[in-house]
C-alpha atoms as a PDB file:
ATOM      1  CA  UNK A   1      99.475 100.242 102.740  1.00  0.00           C
ATOM      2  CA  UNK A   2     101.827 102.733 104.972  1.00  0.00           C
ATOM      3  CA  UNK A   3     105.254 101.772 104.888  1.00  0.00           C
ATOM      4  CA  UNK A   4     107.998 103.822 106.550  1.00  0.00           C
ATOM      5  CA  UNK A   5     111.535 103.395 105.180  1.00  0.00           C
ATOM      6  CA  UNK A   6     114.825 105.058 105.342  1.00  0.00           C
ATOM      7  CA  UNK A   7     114.061 106.853 101.722  1.00  0.00           C
ATOM      8  CA  UNK A   8     110.715 108.472 102.796  1.00  0.00           C
ATOM      9  CA  UNK A   9     107.218 107.386 104.032  1.00  0.00           C
ATOM     10  CA  UNK A  10     104.583 106.130 101.253  1.00  0.00           C
ATOM     11  CA  UNK A  11     101.232 105.530 101.091  1.00  0.00           C
ATOM     12  CA  UNK A  12     100.139 102.921  98.684  1.00  0.00           C
ATOM     13  CA  UNK A  13      96.780 102.389  96.748  1.00  0.00           C
ATOM     14  CA  UNK A  14      95.056 101.022  93.978  1.00  0.00           C
ATOM     15  CA  UNK A  15      92.003 103.402  93.188  1.00  0.00           C
ATOM     16  CA  UNK A  16      89.204 102.049  92.300  1.00  0.00           C
ATOM     17  CA  UNK A  17      88.919 101.400  88.125  1.00  0.00           C
ATOM     18  CA  UNK A  18      92.996 101.473  87.923  1.00  0.00           C
ATOM     19  CA  UNK A  19      94.777  98.319  87.257  1.00  0.00           C
ATOM     20  CA  UNK A  20      98.270 100.336  88.729  1.00  0.00           C
ATOM     21  CA  UNK A  21      99.482 101.333  92.010  1.00  0.00           C
ATOM     22  CA  UNK A  22      99.186 105.338  92.975  1.00  0.00           C
ATOM     23  CA  UNK A  23     102.115 105.753  95.386  1.00  0.00           C
ATOM     24  CA  UNK A  24     101.582 108.889  97.401  1.00  0.00           C
ATOM     25  CA  UNK A  25     104.074 110.916  99.635  1.00  0.00           C
ATOM     26  CA  UNK A  26     103.537 113.908 101.940  1.00  0.00           C
ATOM     27  CA  UNK A  27     107.190 115.353 100.906  1.00  0.00           C
ATOM     28  CA  UNK A  28     108.207 114.900  96.756  1.00  0.00           C
ATOM     29  CA  UNK A  29     111.560 113.852  97.872  1.00  0.00           C
ATOM     30  CA  UNK A  30     110.726 110.777  99.175  1.00  0.00           C
ATOM     31  CA  UNK A  31     109.396 109.981  95.784  1.00  0.00           C
ATOM     32  CA  UNK A  32     112.605 111.077  94.039  1.00  0.00           C
ATOM     33  CA  UNK A  33     114.589 109.610  96.321  1.00  0.00           C
ATOM     34  CA  UNK A  34     112.159 105.941  95.848  1.00  0.00           C
ATOM     35  CA  UNK A  35     112.573 106.225  91.753  1.00  0.00           C
ATOM     36  CA  UNK A  36     116.212 106.969  92.084  1.00  0.00           C
ATOM     37  CA  UNK A  37     117.245 103.838  94.302  1.00  0.00           C
ATOM     38  CA  UNK A  38     114.597 101.544  93.674  1.00  0.00           C
ATOM     39  CA  UNK A  39     112.117 101.751  91.192  1.00  0.00           C
ATOM     40  CA  UNK A  40     113.149 103.745  88.255  1.00  0.00           C
ATOM     41  CA  UNK A  41     109.714 102.755  86.904  1.00  0.00           C
ATOM     42  CA  UNK A  42     107.738 105.156  88.803  1.00  0.00           C
ATOM     43  CA  UNK A  43     106.049 107.481  86.956  1.00  0.00           C
ATOM     44  CA  UNK A  44     106.644 111.490  87.613  1.00  0.00           C
ATOM     45  CA  UNK A  45     105.282 112.725  90.428  1.00  0.00           C
ATOM     46  CA  UNK A  46     102.103 114.777  89.965  1.00  0.00           C
ATOM     47  CA  UNK A  47     101.270 117.724  92.480  1.00  0.00           C
ATOM     48  CA  UNK A  48      97.799 118.770  93.965  1.00  0.00           C
ATOM     49  CA  UNK A  49      95.482 116.148  92.372  1.00  0.00           C
ATOM     50  CA  UNK A  50      94.506 114.404  95.066  1.00  0.00           C
ATOM     51  CA  UNK A  51      92.415 114.464  98.340  1.00  0.00           C
ATOM     52  CA  UNK A  52      95.189 113.686 101.068  1.00  0.00           C
ATOM     53  CA  UNK A  53      98.401 113.064 100.013  1.00  0.00           C
ATOM     54  CA  UNK A  54     100.194 116.505  97.708  1.00  0.00           C
ATOM     55  CA  UNK A  55     102.450 114.501  95.498  1.00  0.00           C
ATOM     56  CA  UNK A  56     101.665 110.937  93.986  1.00  0.00           C
ATOM     57  CA  UNK A  57     102.723 108.909  91.466  1.00  0.00           C
ATOM     58  CA  UNK A  58     101.900 105.832  89.934  1.00  0.00           C
ATOM     59  CA  UNK A  59     104.104 102.250  89.092  1.00  0.00           C
ATOM     60  CA  UNK A  60     102.351  98.988  88.079  1.00  0.00           C
ATOM     61  CA  UNK A  61     102.290  96.014  90.476  1.00  0.00           C
ATOM     62  CA  UNK A  62     104.948  94.021  88.908  1.00  0.00           C
ATOM     63  CA  UNK A  63     107.169  96.724  89.332  1.00  0.00           C
ATOM     64  CA  UNK A  64     106.872  97.547  92.919  1.00  0.00           C
ATOM     65  CA  UNK A  65     106.995  94.465  94.017  1.00  0.00           C
ATOM     66  CA  UNK A  66     110.451  94.359  92.356  1.00  0.00           C
ATOM     67  CA  UNK A  67     111.334  97.988  93.927  1.00  0.00           C
ATOM     68  CA  UNK A  68     110.363  96.975  97.432  1.00  0.00           C
ATOM     69  CA  UNK A  69     112.447  93.130  96.881  1.00  0.00           C
ATOM     70  CA  UNK A  70     115.376  95.544  95.998  1.00  0.00           C
ATOM     71  CA  UNK A  71     114.785  97.791  99.430  1.00  0.00           C
ATOM     72  CA  UNK A  72     114.583  94.494 101.814  1.00  0.00           C
ATOM     73  CA  UNK A  73     117.812  93.280 100.454  1.00  0.00           C
ATOM     74  CA  UNK A  74     119.044  96.615 101.085  1.00  0.00           C
ATOM     75  CA  UNK A  75     118.602  96.426 104.871  1.00  0.00           C
ATOM     76  CA  UNK A  76     121.880  95.982 106.816  1.00  0.00           C
ATOM     77  CA  UNK A  77     120.848  98.201 109.869  1.00  0.00           C
ATOM     78  CA  UNK A  78     120.430  97.020 113.198  1.00  0.00           C
ATOM     79  CA  UNK A  79     118.245  99.868 114.643  1.00  0.00           C
ATOM     80  CA  UNK A  80     115.522 101.400 112.002  1.00  0.00           C
ATOM     81  CA  UNK A  81     114.965 104.770 113.984  1.00  0.00           C
ATOM     82  CA  UNK A  82     119.659 105.618 113.760  1.00  0.00           C
ATOM     83  CA  UNK A  83     119.681 104.517 109.913  1.00  0.00           C
ATOM     84  CA  UNK A  84     116.512 107.045 109.759  1.00  0.00           C
ATOM     85  CA  UNK A  85     118.663 109.837 111.943  1.00  0.00           C
ATOM     86  CA  UNK A  86     121.773 109.436 109.363  1.00  0.00           C
ATOM     87  CA  UNK A  87     120.100 108.702 105.788  1.00  0.00           C
ATOM     88  CA  UNK A  88     117.198 111.584 106.414  1.00  0.00           C
ATOM     89  CA  UNK A  89     118.402 113.529 109.750  1.00  0.00           C
ATOM     90  CA  UNK A  90     117.098 114.166 112.766  1.00  0.00           C
ATOM     91  CA  UNK A  91     113.763 115.887 112.343  1.00  0.00           C
ATOM     92  CA  UNK A  92     112.642 112.872 110.404  1.00  0.00           C
ATOM     93  CA  UNK A  93     113.549 110.338 113.059  1.00  0.00           C
ATOM     94  CA  UNK A  94     111.128 112.267 115.294  1.00  0.00           C
ATOM     95  CA  UNK A  95     108.001 112.103 113.235  1.00  0.00           C
ATOM     96  CA  UNK A  96     108.315 108.328 112.959  1.00  0.00           C
ATOM     97  CA  UNK A  97     109.589 107.546 116.461  1.00  0.00           C
ATOM     98  CA  UNK A  98     106.291 109.190 116.841  1.00  0.00           C
ATOM     99  CA  UNK A  99     104.343 107.494 114.831  1.00  0.00           C
ATOM    100  CA  UNK A 100     106.035 104.247 116.638  1.00  0.00           C
ATOM    101  CA  UNK A 101     104.992 105.566 120.014  1.00  0.00           C
ATOM    102  CA  UNK A 102     101.246 106.260 118.887  1.00  0.00           C
ATOM    103  CA  UNK A 103     101.247 102.399 117.274  1.00  0.00           C
ATOM    104  CA  UNK A 104     102.107 100.976 120.810  1.00  0.00           C
ATOM    105  CA  UNK A 105      98.060 101.748 121.478  1.00  0.00           C
ATOM    106  CA  UNK A 106      97.961  98.310 119.134  1.00  0.00           C
ATOM    107  CA  UNK A 107      99.528  96.169 121.863  1.00  0.00           C
ATOM    108  CA  UNK A 108      96.412  96.463 124.459  1.00  0.00           C
ATOM    109  CA  UNK A 109      94.684  95.227 121.562  1.00  0.00           C
ATOM    110  CA  UNK A 110      92.805  91.834 120.190  1.00  0.00           C
ATOM    111  CA  UNK A 111      92.505  90.884 117.159  1.00  0.00           C
ATOM    112  CA  UNK A 112      92.684  94.256 115.831  1.00  0.00           C
ATOM    113  CA  UNK A 113      89.553  95.323 117.182  1.00  0.00           C
END
């Protein structure tokens, strides 16, 4: 699952054979922000031990769910991109906006095909 938030961008997966989730990031500080603000149980960041994302950490399903609930309860903004710009800067907002624009291509699809 990809998650774009005002504290970072994450890819969350459960790797085959694991009983926990792996939270992956392209920027190490995104994991630091997630840990500090919402998921103190998130493991230490591991660098360079994956195939695509350079940074990763692990967490139980339960603690991840609790952290996501906290993150959702903190939503107070009326415009996500503006909040990203405010909290993470204009460069991050432009990257998120490009992803949003690219995803508009989904609007012409039916049943996800």
